[in-house]
Every structure is written in structure tokens, then in C-alpha cells.
Amino acid sequence: MSNLRLINETEITSSVSSVNVTDVFSADFDIYKIVTNGIEDTTDTPSVHIRFINSSGSVISASNYDYAYLNMRSETTFSENIATNETYIRGIFAFSSATDTQGSVAYIFNPYSSSSYTFSLYQMSSVNTTLRSTKGIGVLKQTASMTGFQVFDIDSTDFSEGVIKTYGLRVDS
């Protein structure tokens, strides 16, 4: 039996400003893996962000997110981005334009637990004329049960296509 189970596959097929992936986190798993591929943004913006959705179906947009990531670009020096008390986790997923390729993977820890913060560990890369990569961590500082997440661009540009896959990951002891 595999320790990785596909829970949801969301395909973006038309122009949208955000995508809500609901009812994917449950008591079945403590760790989730989110993989994105081919998310196309209509403009050349830096990255695609995440907010979590609670068990009431509300997107958490309060200033309860912290994140830190290393931005690794082939044409310049690496840089760090650290922020606290934000309304989202920045840069968790990659973007692309029609000529780019991109991919992202994020691990989400304890989202369904109402007694723990929701943590994330992520990495992404995209390439067009330059290689851009990010490795980061994030946390939602709320002890509430999260059942899903929202993918969006802070610049409110539209996504025209892409795939978001959510897996449950069971760790055997």
C-alpha cells in the first residue's frame, strides 16, 4: 500500500483570479503534499501565494501568516524574504507565462488539527530566459481546523491554465 494518496486534482482551464481547493484536509492525514504544474499567469508577476480555508468554508485572510524564503535567481545574487503578520504565505507556488516551464511542491503539516498551527515547507522553480527558484517555510498562526486552501496572485491577475494536485502522506513509524 502506498503512503501517498491522491485526494484531489484541480485543473485550471479558464481565466480566474483565484482557485479554492476545498475539502481536502481531514483527520485521515497529518501531512499533505501539494504539487502544481503549468500554472500560467497572464502577467510576469513574481509568484503564486496561498491562504488556508477553515472548516466553515471561510478563506483566512487575517494577518496571522509568517513566512521566510530564499529567492534563487540565475541572473543575480540570492536574496531572503522574511515577513510576519501577513495575510498570506508568499511565493509558495511557481508561475509561468506561455513560454515558461514551472513546477512546485509544498508540504502542509497539521492543517486539520484544531490544537496546532498549520505549517508549510515548499520549493518551486520556473525558467524562461532565467532560472528562478525558491525554498521556503510558512505558518498560519491559528489553532483552528483547516479543510482547504486558496491559490491566488496578490496582483489580482488571472490564471489561464494549470494543475494543482493534493496528496495525503502517511508516515509509517
Protein backbone atom coordinates (compact mmCIF):
# COMPACT_ATOMS: atom_id res chain seq x y z
CA MET A 1 0.00 0.00 0.00
CA SER A 2 1.33 3.42 -0.97
CA ASN A 3 1.98 6.06 1.67
CA LEU A 4 0.91 8.76 -0.81
CA ARG A 5 -2.76 9.04 -1.79
CA LEU A 6 -4.15 11.43 -4.41
CA ILE A 7 -7.03 13.30 -2.79
CA ASN A 8 -7.83 15.97 -5.37
CA GLU A 9 -6.76 17.16 -8.81
CA THR A 10 -7.89 20.66 -9.77
CA GLU A 11 -7.37 21.76 -13.34
CA ILE A 12 -7.46 25.43 -14.27
CA THR A 13 -8.98 25.70 -17.74
CA SER A 14 -10.21 29.29 -17.93
CA SER A 15 -9.16 32.72 -16.73
CA VAL A 16 -9.63 33.03 -12.94
CA SER A 17 -8.09 35.31 -10.30
CA SER A 18 -8.02 32.65 -7.56
CA VAL A 19 -8.64 28.94 -7.12
CA ASN A 20 -10.20 27.43 -3.99
CA VAL A 21 -9.37 23.78 -3.32
CA THR A 22 -11.86 22.69 -0.67
CA ASP A 23 -12.48 19.60 1.45
CA VAL A 24 -9.01 18.10 1.01
CA PHE A 25 -7.66 18.26 4.59
CA SER A 26 -9.19 15.85 7.08
CA ALA A 27 -8.39 13.69 10.10
CA ASP A 28 -7.11 10.99 7.69
CA PHE A 29 -3.65 12.59 7.33
CA ASP A 30 -1.35 14.92 9.27
CA ILE A 31 0.87 15.71 6.25
CA TYR A 32 -0.25 16.79 2.78
CA LYS A 33 1.72 17.24 -0.41
CA ILE A 34 0.56 19.85 -2.95
CA VAL A 35 2.09 19.72 -6.42
CA THR A 36 1.48 22.33 -9.10
CA ASN A 37 2.41 22.21 -12.75
CA GLY A 38 1.86 24.60 -15.63
CA ILE A 39 0.15 27.42 -13.74
CA GLU A 40 0.13 30.23 -16.29
CA ASP A 41 -0.27 33.81 -15.14
CA THR A 42 -1.38 36.48 -17.59
CA THR A 43 1.45 38.81 -16.46
CA ASP A 44 5.03 38.28 -15.37
CA THR A 45 4.44 38.52 -11.62
CA PRO A 46 6.81 37.05 -9.02
CA SER A 47 4.84 34.15 -7.59
CA VAL A 48 1.62 32.49 -6.59
CA HIS A 49 0.50 32.59 -2.97
CA ILE A 50 -1.65 30.56 -0.56
CA ARG A 51 -4.27 31.18 2.09
CA PHE A 52 -6.00 28.44 4.04
CA ILE A 53 -9.73 27.76 4.22
CA ASN A 54 -11.28 26.83 7.58
CA SER A 55 -13.94 24.21 8.30
CA SER A 56 -16.68 26.86 7.90
CA GLY A 57 -15.52 27.48 4.32
CA SER A 58 -14.03 30.92 5.04
CA VAL A 59 -10.72 31.95 3.49
CA ILE A 60 -8.35 33.03 6.29
CA SER A 61 -7.13 36.49 5.30
CA ALA A 62 -6.28 37.81 8.78
CA SER A 63 -2.70 38.92 9.48
CA ASN A 64 -1.75 35.57 11.02
CA TYR A 65 0.75 34.25 8.47
CA ASP A 66 4.56 34.26 8.76
CA TYR A 67 6.94 33.12 6.03
CA ALA A 68 10.59 33.11 5.03
CA TYR A 69 12.12 32.04 1.76
CA LEU A 70 15.34 32.11 -0.19
CA ASN A 71 14.92 33.54 -3.68
CA MET A 72 17.50 31.98 -6.03
CA ARG A 73 17.75 33.63 -9.43
CA SER A 74 20.36 32.69 -12.01
CA GLU A 75 20.95 36.26 -13.21
CA THR A 76 21.57 37.92 -9.82
CA THR A 77 22.56 37.24 -6.21
CA PHE A 78 20.31 35.20 -3.96
CA SER A 79 18.06 37.10 -1.57
CA GLU A 80 15.98 36.34 1.50
CA ASN A 81 12.42 37.44 2.10
CA ILE A 82 11.10 37.26 5.66
CA ALA A 83 7.73 38.56 6.81
CA THR A 84 5.50 38.26 9.86
CA ASN A 85 1.83 39.01 10.44
CA GLU A 86 0.93 38.87 6.75
CA THR A 87 -2.41 37.92 5.15
CA TYR A 88 -0.96 35.02 3.08
CA ILE A 89 2.16 32.89 2.55
CA ARG A 90 4.07 34.44 -0.34
CA GLY A 91 5.68 32.56 -3.19
CA ILE A 92 4.64 29.05 -2.23
CA PHE A 93 3.90 28.10 -5.86
CA ALA A 94 5.61 28.92 -9.14
CA PHE A 95 4.05 30.69 -12.07
CA SER A 96 4.83 30.71 -15.75
CA SER A 97 4.00 32.53 -18.93
CA ALA A 98 3.25 30.77 -22.19
CA THR A 99 6.96 30.21 -22.85
CA ASP A 100 7.99 29.14 -19.34
CA THR A 101 8.06 25.81 -17.62
CA GLN A 102 7.48 25.58 -13.91
CA GLY A 103 6.79 23.26 -11.03
CA SER A 104 6.18 23.47 -7.30
CA VAL A 105 5.86 21.18 -4.33
CA ALA A 106 4.63 22.14 -0.87
CA TYR A 107 4.20 20.04 2.26
CA ILE A 108 1.46 21.15 4.67
CA PHE A 109 1.63 19.92 8.27
CA ASN A 110 -1.32 19.53 10.67
CA PRO A 111 -3.87 21.65 8.78
CA TYR A 112 -6.88 19.78 10.18
CA SER A 113 -5.69 19.85 13.80
CA SER A 114 -7.55 22.40 15.92
CA SER A 115 -4.79 22.32 18.55
CA SER A 116 -1.79 23.10 16.32
CA TYR A 117 -0.64 25.80 13.93
CA THR A 118 -0.59 24.91 10.21
CA PHE A 119 3.00 24.77 8.90
CA SER A 120 4.34 24.59 5.36
CA LEU A 121 7.61 23.71 3.68
CA TYR A 122 7.90 24.49 -0.02
CA GLN A 123 10.07 24.80 -3.11
CA MET A 124 9.39 25.95 -6.64
CA SER A 125 11.19 26.72 -9.85
CA SER A 126 10.44 28.30 -13.19
CA VAL A 127 12.52 29.01 -16.26
CA ASN A 128 12.15 31.26 -19.24
CA THR A 129 15.25 33.27 -20.08
CA THR A 130 16.47 32.87 -16.48
CA LEU A 131 16.11 30.22 -13.81
CA ARG A 132 14.12 31.23 -10.73
CA SER A 133 13.85 29.02 -7.68
CA THR A 134 12.55 29.42 -4.16
CA LYS A 135 12.81 27.36 -0.98
CA GLY A 136 10.74 28.47 1.97
CA ILE A 137 8.74 27.88 5.12
CA GLY A 138 5.48 29.33 6.36
CA VAL A 139 2.98 29.13 9.18
CA LEU A 140 -0.62 30.07 9.82
CA LYS A 141 -0.71 31.09 13.49
CA GLN A 142 -4.25 29.92 14.22
CA THR A 143 -5.36 26.85 16.11
CA ALA A 144 -8.38 26.04 14.00
CA SER A 145 -9.26 23.20 11.68
CA MET A 146 -8.37 23.95 8.05
CA THR A 147 -10.05 21.90 5.33
CA GLY A 148 -8.69 23.52 2.17
CA PHE A 149 -6.64 26.29 0.59
CA GLN A 150 -6.83 29.16 -1.85
CA VAL A 151 -4.24 29.76 -4.59
CA PHE A 152 -4.04 33.37 -5.81
CA ASP A 153 -1.81 36.14 -7.11
CA ILE A 154 -1.58 39.26 -4.94
CA ASP A 155 -1.64 41.44 -8.07
CA SER A 156 -5.12 40.06 -8.91
CA THR A 157 -4.01 38.89 -12.32
CA ASP A 158 -5.70 35.87 -13.81
CA PHE A 159 -4.50 32.30 -14.15
CA SER A 160 -5.27 30.84 -17.53
CA GLU A 161 -4.30 27.20 -17.02
CA GLY A 162 -2.51 24.74 -14.75
CA VAL A 163 -2.94 21.73 -12.50
CA ILE A 164 -2.99 21.53 -8.69
CA LYS A 165 -2.73 18.05 -7.15
CA THR A 166 -3.25 17.42 -3.44
CA TYR A 167 -2.00 14.22 -1.81
CA GLY A 168 -2.29 12.83 1.69
CA LEU A 169 1.02 11.48 3.01
CA ARG A 170 1.07 8.73 5.61
CA VAL A 171 4.29 8.29 7.57
CA ASP A 172 4.86 4.78 8.89
CA SER A 173 6.68 4.50 12.17
